[in-house]
Protein backbone atom coordinates (compact mmCIF):
# COMPACT_ATOMS: atom_id res chain seq x y z
CA UNK A 1 0.00 0.00 0.00
CA UNK A 2 1.31 3.44 -0.92
CA UNK A 3 2.20 5.77 1.98
CA UNK A 4 -0.44 8.31 0.91
CA UNK A 5 -3.18 5.63 0.82
CA UNK A 6 -2.00 4.21 4.16
CA UNK A 7 -2.20 7.61 5.81
CA UNK A 8 -5.74 8.06 4.52
CA UNK A 9 -6.83 4.63 5.86
CA UNK A 10 -5.44 5.37 9.33
CA UNK A 11 -7.22 8.76 9.57
CA UNK A 12 -10.00 8.72 12.27
CA UNK A 13 -13.49 8.57 10.81
CA UNK A 14 -14.91 10.91 13.48
CA UNK A 15 -13.18 13.63 15.37
CA UNK A 16 -14.86 14.40 18.68
CA UNK A 17 -14.20 17.90 19.98
CA UNK A 18 -13.36 18.12 23.65
CA UNK A 19 -16.61 18.15 25.66
CA UNK A 20 -17.35 21.33 27.52
CA UNK A 21 -17.29 20.64 31.21
CA UNK A 22 -19.43 22.93 33.33
CA UNK A 23 -19.67 22.89 37.11
CA UNK A 24 -21.85 19.96 38.01
CA UNK A 25 -22.52 18.87 34.40
CA UNK A 26 -20.78 16.63 31.86
CA UNK A 27 -22.28 16.80 28.34
CA UNK A 28 -21.64 14.73 25.24
CA UNK A 29 -23.35 15.58 21.94
CA UNK A 30 -23.01 13.60 18.67
CA UNK A 31 -21.78 15.05 15.40
CA UNK A 32 -25.03 15.14 13.45
CA UNK A 33 -23.31 16.04 10.18
CA UNK A 34 -21.31 12.79 10.06
CA UNK A 35 -22.49 10.25 7.51
CA UNK A 36 -21.79 7.44 9.97
CA UNK A 37 -24.84 8.46 12.03
CA UNK A 38 -28.28 7.54 10.76
CA UNK A 39 -30.87 10.31 10.56
CA UNK A 40 -32.85 8.69 13.41
CA UNK A 41 -29.83 8.48 15.65
CA UNK A 42 -28.76 12.00 14.79
CA UNK A 43 -32.16 13.30 15.84
CA UNK A 44 -31.61 11.99 19.37
CA UNK A 45 -28.93 14.06 21.11
CA UNK A 46 -26.89 12.10 23.60
CA UNK A 47 -26.74 14.02 26.85
CA UNK A 48 -25.26 12.62 30.04
CA UNK A 49 -25.56 14.53 33.27
CA UNK A 50 -23.76 13.57 36.40
CA UNK A 51 -24.04 15.78 39.40
CA UNK A 52 -26.54 16.00 42.16
CA UNK A 53 -26.40 19.71 42.59
CA UNK A 54 -26.81 21.03 39.04
CA UNK A 55 -30.58 21.66 38.95
CA UNK A 56 -31.37 21.03 42.60
CA UNK A 57 -29.83 24.27 43.81
CA UNK A 58 -32.15 26.28 41.57
CA UNK A 59 -35.32 24.56 42.84
CA UNK A 60 -37.48 26.26 45.45
CA UNK A 61 -37.58 24.23 48.69
CA UNK A 62 -40.93 22.53 49.20
CA UNK A 63 -41.64 24.52 52.37
CA UNK A 64 -41.50 27.74 50.31
CA UNK A 65 -43.59 26.61 47.33
CA UNK A 66 -47.06 27.04 48.83
CA UNK A 67 -48.26 30.50 49.90
CA UNK A 68 -50.19 30.91 53.11
CA UNK A 69 -53.95 31.38 53.05
CA UNK A 70 -54.93 35.06 53.02
CA UNK A 71 -56.55 36.52 56.12
CA UNK A 72 -59.79 38.43 55.64
CA UNK A 73 -60.90 37.77 59.24
CA UNK A 74 -58.63 36.36 61.92
CA UNK A 75 -59.76 34.29 64.89
CA UNK A 76 -60.33 37.36 67.07
CA UNK A 77 -62.65 38.92 64.51
CA UNK A 78 -64.46 35.58 64.12
CA UNK A 79 -65.00 35.44 67.89
CA UNK A 80 -66.59 38.87 67.76
CA UNK A 81 -69.16 37.58 65.26
CA UNK A 82 -69.87 33.98 66.34
CA UNK A 83 -71.07 33.13 69.85
CA UNK A 84 -69.32 29.72 69.80
CA UNK A 85 -66.35 29.02 72.06
CA UNK A 86 -63.97 26.12 72.78
CA UNK A 87 -64.40 23.29 72.12
CA UNK A 88 -67.10 24.09 69.59
CA UNK A 89 -65.69 27.00 67.61
CA UNK A 90 -64.74 25.21 64.36
CA UNK A 91 -63.64 28.12 62.15
CA UNK A 92 -60.02 29.31 62.31
CA UNK A 93 -59.80 31.93 59.56
CA UNK A 94 -61.92 33.58 56.88
CA UNK A 95 -59.98 33.73 53.61
CA UNK A 96 -62.60 35.28 51.33
CA UNK A 97 -65.82 37.15 52.00
CA UNK A 98 -68.41 39.17 50.12
CA UNK A 99 -70.95 40.87 52.39
CA UNK A 100 -74.42 39.41 52.09
CA UNK A 101 -73.35 36.79 49.53
CA UNK A 102 -70.73 34.26 50.62
CA UNK A 103 -67.81 33.44 52.89
CA UNK A 104 -64.89 31.05 52.52
CA UNK A 105 -63.14 29.89 55.68
CA UNK A 106 -60.75 27.20 56.88
CA UNK A 107 -60.61 24.78 59.77
CA UNK A 108 -57.19 23.32 60.53
CA UNK A 109 -57.82 19.72 61.53
CA UNK A 110 -55.19 18.55 64.03
CA UNK A 111 -54.70 15.44 66.12
CA UNK A 112 -55.19 17.67 69.19
CA UNK A 113 -58.88 18.20 68.35
CA UNK A 114 -60.86 16.81 71.25
CA UNK A 115 -63.03 14.48 69.13
CA UNK A 116 -60.17 12.36 67.79
CA UNK A 117 -59.56 10.21 70.91
CA UNK A 118 -62.99 8.68 70.39
CA UNK A 119 -63.41 9.03 66.60
CA UNK A 120 -61.48 6.84 66.11
CA UNK A 121 -58.56 5.85 68.38
CA UNK A 122 -56.76 3.94 65.62
CA UNK A 123 -57.96 6.00 62.64
CA UNK A 124 -58.55 9.71 63.35
CA UNK A 125 -61.41 10.86 61.10
CA UNK A 126 -63.29 14.12 61.59
CA UNK A 127 -66.95 13.33 62.32
CA UNK A 128 -69.30 14.25 59.48
CA UNK A 129 -71.68 16.03 61.83
CA UNK A 130 -68.83 18.34 62.91
CA UNK A 131 -68.00 19.10 59.28
CA UNK A 132 -71.62 20.13 58.86
CA UNK A 133 -71.46 22.21 62.05
CA UNK A 134 -68.25 23.93 60.88
CA UNK A 135 -69.90 24.79 57.57
CA UNK A 136 -72.96 26.13 59.38
CA UNK A 137 -70.69 28.39 61.43
CA UNK A 138 -69.21 29.78 58.21
CA UNK A 139 -72.80 30.40 57.13
CA UNK A 140 -73.30 32.21 60.42
CA UNK A 141 -70.48 34.61 59.52
CA UNK A 142 -72.48 35.56 56.42
CA UNK A 143 -75.78 35.79 58.26
CA UNK A 144 -74.61 37.74 61.31
CA UNK A 145 -73.58 40.79 59.33
CA UNK A 146 -75.35 44.15 58.95
CA UNK A 147 -75.98 43.42 55.26
CA UNK A 148 -78.23 40.52 56.22
CA UNK A 149 -79.54 41.80 59.52
CA UNK A 150 -78.94 38.73 61.70
CA UNK A 151 -78.66 38.83 65.47
CA UNK A 152 -76.00 37.04 67.45
CA UNK A 153 -78.47 36.57 70.30
CA UNK A 154 -81.11 35.01 68.05
CA UNK A 155 -79.45 32.87 65.40
CA UNK A 156 -80.18 29.17 64.82
CA UNK A 157 -79.15 26.36 62.54
CA UNK A 158 -82.59 25.27 61.33
CA UNK A 159 -82.03 22.37 58.96
CA UNK A 160 -79.96 20.53 56.37
CA UNK A 161 -80.82 18.80 53.12
CA UNK A 162 -79.03 16.82 50.41
CA UNK A 163 -75.90 16.40 52.53
CA UNK A 164 -73.27 14.10 51.07
CA UNK A 165 -69.89 13.09 52.47
CA UNK A 166 -67.50 12.39 49.60
CA UNK A 167 -64.18 11.65 51.31
CA UNK A 168 -62.93 11.32 54.90
CA UNK A 169 -61.20 14.27 56.54
CA UNK A 170 -58.29 13.22 58.73
CA UNK A 171 -55.84 14.81 61.15
CA UNK A 172 -53.44 17.06 59.25
CA UNK A 173 -55.98 18.20 56.66
CA UNK A 174 -57.12 21.77 56.13
CA UNK A 175 -60.87 21.92 55.60
CA UNK A 176 -61.81 24.73 53.20
CA UNK A 177 -65.50 25.67 53.42
CA UNK A 178 -67.56 27.89 51.13
CA UNK A 179 -71.03 28.97 52.16
CA UNK A 180 -73.15 30.87 49.63
CA UNK A 181 -76.44 32.62 50.39
CA UNK A 182 -79.05 31.41 47.89
CA UNK A 183 -82.29 32.81 49.25
CA UNK A 184 -83.16 35.17 52.08
CA UNK A 185 -86.64 35.88 53.44
CA UNK A 186 -86.08 38.75 55.87
CA UNK A 187 -89.76 38.91 56.78
CA UNK A 188 -89.62 35.39 58.24
CA UNK A 189 -85.94 35.43 59.19
CA UNK A 190 -85.18 32.36 57.06
CA UNK A 191 -82.15 31.93 54.84
CA UNK A 192 -81.16 29.10 52.51
CA UNK A 193 -77.48 28.49 51.85
CA UNK A 194 -75.39 26.19 49.71
CA UNK A 195 -72.32 24.69 51.32
CA UNK A 196 -69.27 22.93 49.91
CA UNK A 197 -66.17 21.78 51.78
CA UNK A 198 -62.85 20.80 50.25
CA UNK A 199 -59.48 19.37 51.17
CA UNK A 200 -57.17 20.69 48.50
CA UNK A 201 -59.16 20.42 45.27
CA UNK A 202 -61.17 17.40 46.48
CA UNK A 203 -64.81 17.92 47.42
CA UNK A 204 -65.35 16.19 50.77
CA UNK A 205 -68.80 17.42 51.83
CA UNK A 206 -71.72 19.34 50.35
CA UNK A 207 -75.30 20.16 51.20
CA UNK A 208 -78.03 22.75 51.59
CA UNK A 209 -78.45 24.62 54.87
CA UNK A 210 -81.39 26.41 56.42
CA UNK A 211 -80.69 29.25 58.86
CA UNK A 212 -83.14 31.07 61.13
CA UNK A 213 -82.44 34.60 62.31
CA UNK A 214 -84.28 37.20 64.33
CA UNK A 215 -83.95 40.71 65.70
CA UNK A 216 -82.74 41.49 69.20
């Protein structure tokens, strides 16, 4: 074999440029222009990453990802409206409110709630009747406002209808309750409300509520 032909045969078919090494990342990319790569293979870039800290440092820690619920009424303002007290005040914060129309509030369900030792010792589930009571108290926040004309001294939970419990509420959950005024008969002091309760985006309880109010 002639020296010129021998030198051509010993020439590398592919020349890989030195890979760029960045802090925390090692990348290899194929030469797509080479005829030795099929079009299908060339369309798939080969990327190898080896480092734990490359993308992790830029991520927001999980404890900072979720904003706190807004506060429209805190617990002190709620206590000024509702007559309930421990252990039966089941509303911790109002997070949205439109006078005379609706209120959205939360109840933080914790293992320290006094009903959990008996309901149930081995599986703490919030009693359905207390979910309904908590929702009725949110309805009371709507009803006991000047826009509606309710009286704290003469306010009653008069009835429920079409109540459904969709999922259990357990210790550690945050119960989000929306109560909406559907119909108000001021002459008779009767109000009909629609209630829905959620844990996250999951509907856990819903129903229709009847409230009775009166003047002082």
